[in-house]
PDB file of N, CA and C in Angstrom:
ATOM      1  N   MET A   1      82.074  74.270  87.767  1.00  0.00           N
ATOM      2  CA  MET A   1      83.519  74.990  88.413  1.00  0.00           C
ATOM      3  C   MET A   1      84.736  74.623  87.971  1.00  0.00           C
ATOM      4  N   LEU A   2      84.581  74.242  86.111  1.00  0.00           N
ATOM      5  CA  LEU A   2      85.459  73.722  85.641  1.00  0.00           C
ATOM      6  C   LEU A   2      86.112  75.306  84.769  1.00  0.00           C
ATOM      7  N   LEU A   3      84.773  76.429  85.158  1.00  0.00           N
ATOM      8  CA  LEU A   3      85.226  77.764  84.009  1.00  0.00           C
ATOM      9  C   LEU A   3      85.876  78.727  85.276  1.00  0.00           C
ATOM     10  N   ALA A   4      85.926  77.973  86.203  1.00  0.00           N
ATOM     11  CA  ALA A   4      87.035  78.920  87.300  1.00  0.00           C
ATOM     12  C   ALA A   4      88.690  78.253  87.001  1.00  0.00           C
ATOM     13  N   HIS A   5      89.064  77.420  86.044  1.00  0.00           N
ATOM     14  CA  HIS A   5      90.097  76.987  85.357  1.00  0.00           C
ATOM     15  C   HIS A   5      90.146  77.967  84.449  1.00  0.00           C
ATOM     16  N   PRO A   6      92.052  79.111  85.363  1.00  0.00           N
ATOM     17  CA  PRO A   6      92.698  80.291  84.016  1.00  0.00           C
ATOM     18  C   PRO A   6      92.351  79.457  82.862  1.00  0.00           C
ATOM     19  N   ALA A   7      92.310  78.122  82.059  1.00  0.00           N
ATOM     20  CA  ALA A   7      92.879  77.460  80.774  1.00  0.00           C
ATOM     21  C   ALA A   7      91.448  77.144  79.954  1.00  0.00           C
ATOM     22  N   VAL A   8      90.308  77.534  80.714  1.00  0.00           N
ATOM     23  CA  VAL A   8      89.563  76.760  80.252  1.00  0.00           C
ATOM     24  C   VAL A   8      88.308  78.305  80.266  1.00  0.00           C
ATOM     25  N   ALA A   9      87.470  78.046  78.673  1.00  0.00           N
ATOM     26  CA  ALA A   9      87.008  78.781  77.687  1.00  0.00           C
ATOM     27  C   ALA A   9      85.625  78.612  78.077  1.00  0.00           C
ATOM     28  N   ALA A  10      84.577  77.756  77.749  1.00  0.00           N
ATOM     29  CA  ALA A  10      83.583  77.026  77.631  1.00  0.00           C
ATOM     30  C   ALA A  10      83.896  74.985  78.016  1.00  0.00           C
ATOM     31  N   VAL A  11      82.894  75.226  78.843  1.00  0.00           N
ATOM     32  CA  VAL A  11      82.400  74.169  79.541  1.00  0.00           C
ATOM     33  C   VAL A  11      81.056  73.272  78.630  1.00  0.00           C
ATOM     34  N   SER A  12      80.582  72.149  77.777  1.00  0.00           N
ATOM     35  CA  SER A  12      79.547  71.236  78.009  1.00  0.00           C
ATOM     36  C   SER A  12      79.750  69.788  78.411  1.00  0.00           C
ATOM     37  N   THR A  13      78.568  69.911  79.085  1.00  0.00           N
ATOM     38  CA  THR A  13      78.213  68.896  80.036  1.00  0.00           C
ATOM     39  C   THR A  13      77.075  67.651  79.732  1.00  0.00           C
ATOM     40  N   THR A  14      76.821  65.995  79.021  1.00  0.00           N
ATOM     41  CA  THR A  14      76.106  65.245  78.915  1.00  0.00           C
ATOM     42  C   THR A  14      76.348  64.178  78.804  1.00  0.00           C
ATOM     43  N   GLY A  15      75.194  63.255  79.363  1.00  0.00           N
ATOM     44  CA  GLY A  15      75.242  61.815  79.281  1.00  0.00           C
ATOM     45  C   GLY A  15      75.578  61.547  77.793  1.00  0.00           C
ATOM     46  N   THR A  16      76.741  60.312  78.072  1.00  0.00           N
ATOM     47  CA  THR A  16      76.688  59.357  76.533  1.00  0.00           C
ATOM     48  C   THR A  16      76.579  57.900  77.385  1.00  0.00           C
ATOM     49  N   PRO A  17      75.675  57.048  75.846  1.00  0.00           N
ATOM     50  CA  PRO A  17      75.246  55.869  76.468  1.00  0.00           C
ATOM     51  C   PRO A  17      76.921  54.997  76.508  1.00  0.00           C
ATOM     52  N   ASP A  18      76.438  53.877  77.474  1.00  0.00           N
ATOM     53  CA  ASP A  18      77.417  53.202  77.777  1.00  0.00           C
ATOM     54  C   ASP A  18      76.828  51.669  78.087  1.00  0.00           C
ATOM     55  N   ASP A  19      77.538  51.129  77.119  1.00  0.00           N
ATOM     56  CA  ASP A  19      76.961  49.640  77.270  1.00  0.00           C
ATOM     57  C   ASP A  19      77.281  49.038  79.031  1.00  0.00           C
ATOM     58  N   TYR A  20      78.054  49.106  79.605  1.00  0.00           N
ATOM     59  CA  TYR A  20      77.732  48.297  80.440  1.00  0.00           C
ATOM     60  C   TYR A  20      77.348  49.181  81.693  1.00  0.00           C
ATOM     61  N   LEU A  21      77.881  50.777  82.012  1.00  0.00           N
ATOM     62  CA  LEU A  21      76.821  51.695  83.312  1.00  0.00           C
ATOM     63  C   LEU A  21      75.451  52.202  82.298  1.00  0.00           C
ATOM     64  N   GLY A  22      75.429  52.014  81.305  1.00  0.00           N
ATOM     65  CA  GLY A  22      73.786  52.361  80.860  1.00  0.00           C
ATOM     66  C   GLY A  22      74.380  54.157  80.179  1.00  0.00           C
ATOM     67  N   GLU A  23      74.901  55.099  80.983  1.00  0.00           N
ATOM     68  CA  GLU A  23      75.049  56.079  80.502  1.00  0.00           C
ATOM     69  C   GLU A  23      76.337  56.939  81.142  1.00  0.00           C
ATOM     70  N   VAL A  24      77.306  57.518  80.467  1.00  0.00           N
ATOM     71  CA  VAL A  24      78.321  57.882  81.257  1.00  0.00           C
ATOM     72  C   VAL A  24      78.720  59.352  81.478  1.00  0.00           C
ATOM     73  N   VAL A  25      78.586  60.068  82.070  1.00  0.00           N
ATOM     74  CA  VAL A  25      78.964  61.645  82.277  1.00  0.00           C
ATOM     75  C   VAL A  25      80.655  62.284  81.351  1.00  0.00           C
ATOM     76  N   THR A  26      80.033  62.811  79.818  1.00  0.00           N
ATOM     77  CA  THR A  26      80.790  63.505  79.315  1.00  0.00           C
ATOM     78  C   THR A  26      80.529  64.770  79.514  1.00  0.00           C
ATOM     79  N   THR A  27      82.276  65.593  79.224  1.00  0.00           N
ATOM     80  CA  THR A  27      82.720  67.218  79.791  1.00  0.00           C
ATOM     81  C   THR A  27      83.162  66.886  78.098  1.00  0.00           C
ATOM     82  N   VAL A  28      83.460  67.899  77.388  1.00  0.00           N
ATOM     83  CA  VAL A  28      83.590  69.125  76.673  1.00  0.00           C
ATOM     84  C   VAL A  28      84.520  70.038  77.114  1.00  0.00           C
ATOM     85  N   VAL A  29      85.920  70.732  77.068  1.00  0.00           N
ATOM     86  CA  VAL A  29      86.406  71.821  77.476  1.00  0.00           C
ATOM     87  C   VAL A  29      86.983  72.269  76.713  1.00  0.00           C
ATOM     88  N   ARG A  30      86.164  73.443  76.347  1.00  0.00           N
ATOM     89  CA  ARG A  30      86.724  74.394  74.941  1.00  0.00           C
ATOM     90  C   ARG A  30      88.075  75.135  76.137  1.00  0.00           C
ATOM     91  N   VAL A  31      88.809  74.734  75.716  1.00  0.00           N
ATOM     92  CA  VAL A  31      90.926  75.611  75.876  1.00  0.00           C
ATOM     93  C   VAL A  31      90.423  76.853  75.228  1.00  0.00           C
ATOM     94  N   LYS A  32      90.886  77.955  76.009  1.00  0.00           N
ATOM     95  CA  LYS A  32      91.347  79.199  75.821  1.00  0.00           C
ATOM     96  C   LYS A  32      92.239  79.617  74.594  1.00  0.00           C
ATOM     97  N   SER A  33      92.560  79.795  73.945  1.00  0.00           N
ATOM     98  CA  SER A  33      93.514  79.561  72.917  1.00  0.00           C
ATOM     99  C   SER A  33      95.037  80.800  73.105  1.00  0.00           C
ATOM    100  N   GLY A  34      96.068  79.913  73.031  1.00  0.00           N
ATOM    101  CA  GLY A  34      97.254  79.587  73.432  1.00  0.00           C
ATOM    102  C   GLY A  34      97.205  79.671  74.873  1.00  0.00           C
ATOM    103  N   ASN A  35      96.669  78.362  75.150  1.00  0.00           N
ATOM    104  CA  ASN A  35      96.786  78.021  76.977  1.00  0.00           C
ATOM    105  C   ASN A  35      97.384  76.082  76.472  1.00  0.00           C
ATOM    106  N   ARG A  36      97.767  75.683  77.323  1.00  0.00           N
ATOM    107  CA  ARG A  36      98.700  74.985  77.357  1.00  0.00           C
ATOM    108  C   ARG A  36      98.338  73.829  78.436  1.00  0.00           C
ATOM    109  N   VAL A  37      96.901  73.209  78.551  1.00  0.00           N
ATOM    110  CA  VAL A  37      96.874  72.013  79.112  1.00  0.00           C
ATOM    111  C   VAL A  37      96.327  70.473  79.133  1.00  0.00           C
ATOM    112  N   SER A  38      96.000  69.689  80.081  1.00  0.00           N
ATOM    113  CA  SER A  38      95.791  68.611  79.749  1.00  0.00           C
ATOM    114  C   SER A  38      94.586  68.031  80.332  1.00  0.00           C
ATOM    115  N   GLU A  39      94.153  66.873  79.524  1.00  0.00           N
ATOM    116  CA  GLU A  39      92.607  66.412  80.788  1.00  0.00           C
ATOM    117  C   GLU A  39      93.337  65.588  81.845  1.00  0.00           C
ATOM    118  N   GLU A  40      94.569  65.169  81.636  1.00  0.00           N
ATOM    119  CA  GLU A  40      94.957  65.059  83.077  1.00  0.00           C
ATOM    120  C   GLU A  40      94.904  65.870  84.232  1.00  0.00           C
ATOM    121  N   ASP A  41      95.457  66.941  83.341  1.00  0.00           N
ATOM    122  CA  ASP A  41      95.082  68.112  84.970  1.00  0.00           C
ATOM    123  C   ASP A  41      94.438  68.642  85.146  1.00  0.00           C
ATOM    124  N   LEU A  42      92.982  68.829  84.036  1.00  0.00           N
ATOM    125  CA  LEU A  42      91.470  69.167  84.425  1.00  0.00           C
ATOM    126  C   LEU A  42      91.029  67.890  84.956  1.00  0.00           C
ATOM    127  N   ARG A  43      91.198  67.069  85.001  1.00  0.00           N
ATOM    128  CA  ARG A  43      91.034  65.274  86.315  1.00  0.00           C
ATOM    129  C   ARG A  43      91.124  65.682  87.167  1.00  0.00           C
ATOM    130  N   ALA A  44      93.077  66.018  87.165  1.00  0.00           N
ATOM    131  CA  ALA A  44      93.193  66.659  88.721  1.00  0.00           C
ATOM    132  C   ALA A  44      92.363  67.398  89.624  1.00  0.00           C
ATOM    133  N   TYR A  45      91.927  68.854  88.469  1.00  0.00           N
ATOM    134  CA  TYR A  45      91.581  70.179  89.829  1.00  0.00           C
ATOM    135  C   TYR A  45      90.349  69.828  89.961  1.00  0.00           C
ATOM    136  N   CYS A  46      89.593  68.629  88.850  1.00  0.00           N
ATOM    137  CA  CYS A  46      87.801  68.416  89.351  1.00  0.00           C
ATOM    138  C   CYS A  46      88.018  67.280  90.431  1.00  0.00           C
ATOM    139  N   ARG A  47      88.958  66.142  90.540  1.00  0.00           N
ATOM    140  CA  ARG A  47      89.518  65.703  92.108  1.00  0.00           C
ATOM    141  C   ARG A  47      89.097  66.893  93.618  1.00  0.00           C
ATOM    142  N   GLN A  48      90.262  67.721  93.099  1.00  0.00           N
ATOM    143  CA  GLN A  48      90.539  68.386  94.360  1.00  0.00           C
ATOM    144  C   GLN A  48      89.690  69.167  94.584  1.00  0.00           C
ATOM    145  N   ARG A  49      88.525  69.294  94.146  1.00  0.00           N
ATOM    146  CA  ARG A  49      87.668  70.141  94.271  1.00  0.00           C
ATOM    147  C   ARG A  49      86.226  70.006  93.616  1.00  0.00           C
ATOM    148  N   LEU A  50      85.925  67.893  93.471  1.00  0.00           N
ATOM    149  CA  LEU A  50      84.725  67.698  93.771  1.00  0.00           C
ATOM    150  C   LEU A  50      84.715  66.198  93.902  1.00  0.00           C
ATOM    151  N   SER A  51      83.230  66.071  94.959  1.00  0.00           N
ATOM    152  CA  SER A  51      83.225  64.110  95.198  1.00  0.00           C
ATOM    153  C   SER A  51      83.765  63.571  94.405  1.00  0.00           C
ATOM    154  N   PRO A  52      84.183  62.592  94.274  1.00  0.00           N
ATOM    155  CA  PRO A  52      84.605  61.094  93.312  1.00  0.00           C
ATOM    156  C   PRO A  52      83.464  61.393  92.569  1.00  0.00           C
ATOM    157  N   LEU A  53      82.096  60.952  93.137  1.00  0.00           N
ATOM    158  CA  LEU A  53      81.099  60.758  91.802  1.00  0.00           C
ATOM    159  C   LEU A  53      80.698  61.970  90.577  1.00  0.00           C
ATOM    160  N   LYS A  54      80.895  63.265  91.457  1.00  0.00           N
ATOM    161  CA  LYS A  54      80.557  64.306  90.156  1.00  0.00           C
ATOM    162  C   LYS A  54      81.685  64.329  89.166  1.00  0.00           C
ATOM    163  N   VAL A  55      83.136  63.675  89.564  1.00  0.00           N
ATOM    164  CA  VAL A  55      84.368  63.929  88.884  1.00  0.00           C
ATOM    165  C   VAL A  55      84.033  63.223  86.936  1.00  0.00           C
ATOM    166  N   PRO A  56      83.643  64.373  85.753  1.00  0.00           N
ATOM    167  CA  PRO A  56      83.796  63.472  84.647  1.00  0.00           C
ATOM    168  C   PRO A  56      84.117  62.182  84.318  1.00  0.00           C
ATOM    169  N   ASP A  57      83.485  61.161  83.763  1.00  0.00           N
ATOM    170  CA  ASP A  57      83.564  59.886  83.540  1.00  0.00           C
ATOM    171  C   ASP A  57      84.909  60.058  82.699  1.00  0.00           C
ATOM    172  N   VAL A  58      84.624  61.057  81.189  1.00  0.00           N
ATOM    173  CA  VAL A  58      85.485  61.539  79.927  1.00  0.00           C
ATOM    174  C   VAL A  58      85.205  62.642  79.750  1.00  0.00           C
ATOM    175  N   LEU A  59      86.745  63.283  79.510  1.00  0.00           N
ATOM    176  CA  LEU A  59      86.544  64.688  79.355  1.00  0.00           C
ATOM    177  C   LEU A  59      87.620  64.768  78.038  1.00  0.00           C
ATOM    178  N   ARG A  60      86.847  65.370  77.289  1.00  0.00           N
ATOM    179  CA  ARG A  60      87.462  66.049  76.424  1.00  0.00           C
ATOM    180  C   ARG A  60      88.094  67.159  75.916  1.00  0.00           C
ATOM    181  N   LEU A  61      89.045  67.225  75.165  1.00  0.00           N
ATOM    182  CA  LEU A  61      90.029  69.452  74.885  1.00  0.00           C
ATOM    183  C   LEU A  61      89.430  68.838  73.637  1.00  0.00           C
ATOM    184  N   ASP A  62      88.748  70.120  73.660  1.00  0.00           N
ATOM    185  CA  ASP A  62      88.461  71.037  72.337  1.00  0.00           C
ATOM    186  C   ASP A  62      89.235  72.366  72.014  1.00  0.00           C
ATOM    187  N   ARG A  63      89.961  72.123  71.764  1.00  0.00           N
ATOM    188  CA  ARG A  63      90.973  73.839  71.530  1.00  0.00           C
ATOM    189  C   ARG A  63      90.785  74.488  70.501  1.00  0.00           C
ATOM    190  N   ALA A  64      90.255  75.954  70.517  1.00  0.00           N
ATOM    191  CA  ALA A  64      89.917  76.885  69.309  1.00  0.00           C
ATOM    192  C   ALA A  64      91.088  76.639  68.627  1.00  0.00           C
TER     193      ALA A  64
END
């Protein structure tokens, strides 16, 4: 779903160990060169299109 965002070039999602929950969903987003988007912008994009349980717990940007 994040690949549909115009500023997103690639996405990788994995589980990351968490002391409290055991594991959390972590998503790394590669931003297309020349695009400006924030983690909060992408989180809002996810919240509009996904159920709350499917929104990544951790979202990191990788700017190429």
